């Protein structure tokens, strides 16, 4: 789910909030929301998912 920065700011005190940062690890390592989790979507081979 994508939300606005205003809505995110309202939720940052929610202990159940999980923020997933889908940028590259390089970009994530240059700065991110504290406590966020990096999931670099470009690191996965989406077209090669057959068993």
Foldseek 3Di string as FASTA:
>chain_A
DDDDPVVVVVCPVPPPDEAEDQDDVVVVVVDDDPRHHYDPPVVDDVVPPDD
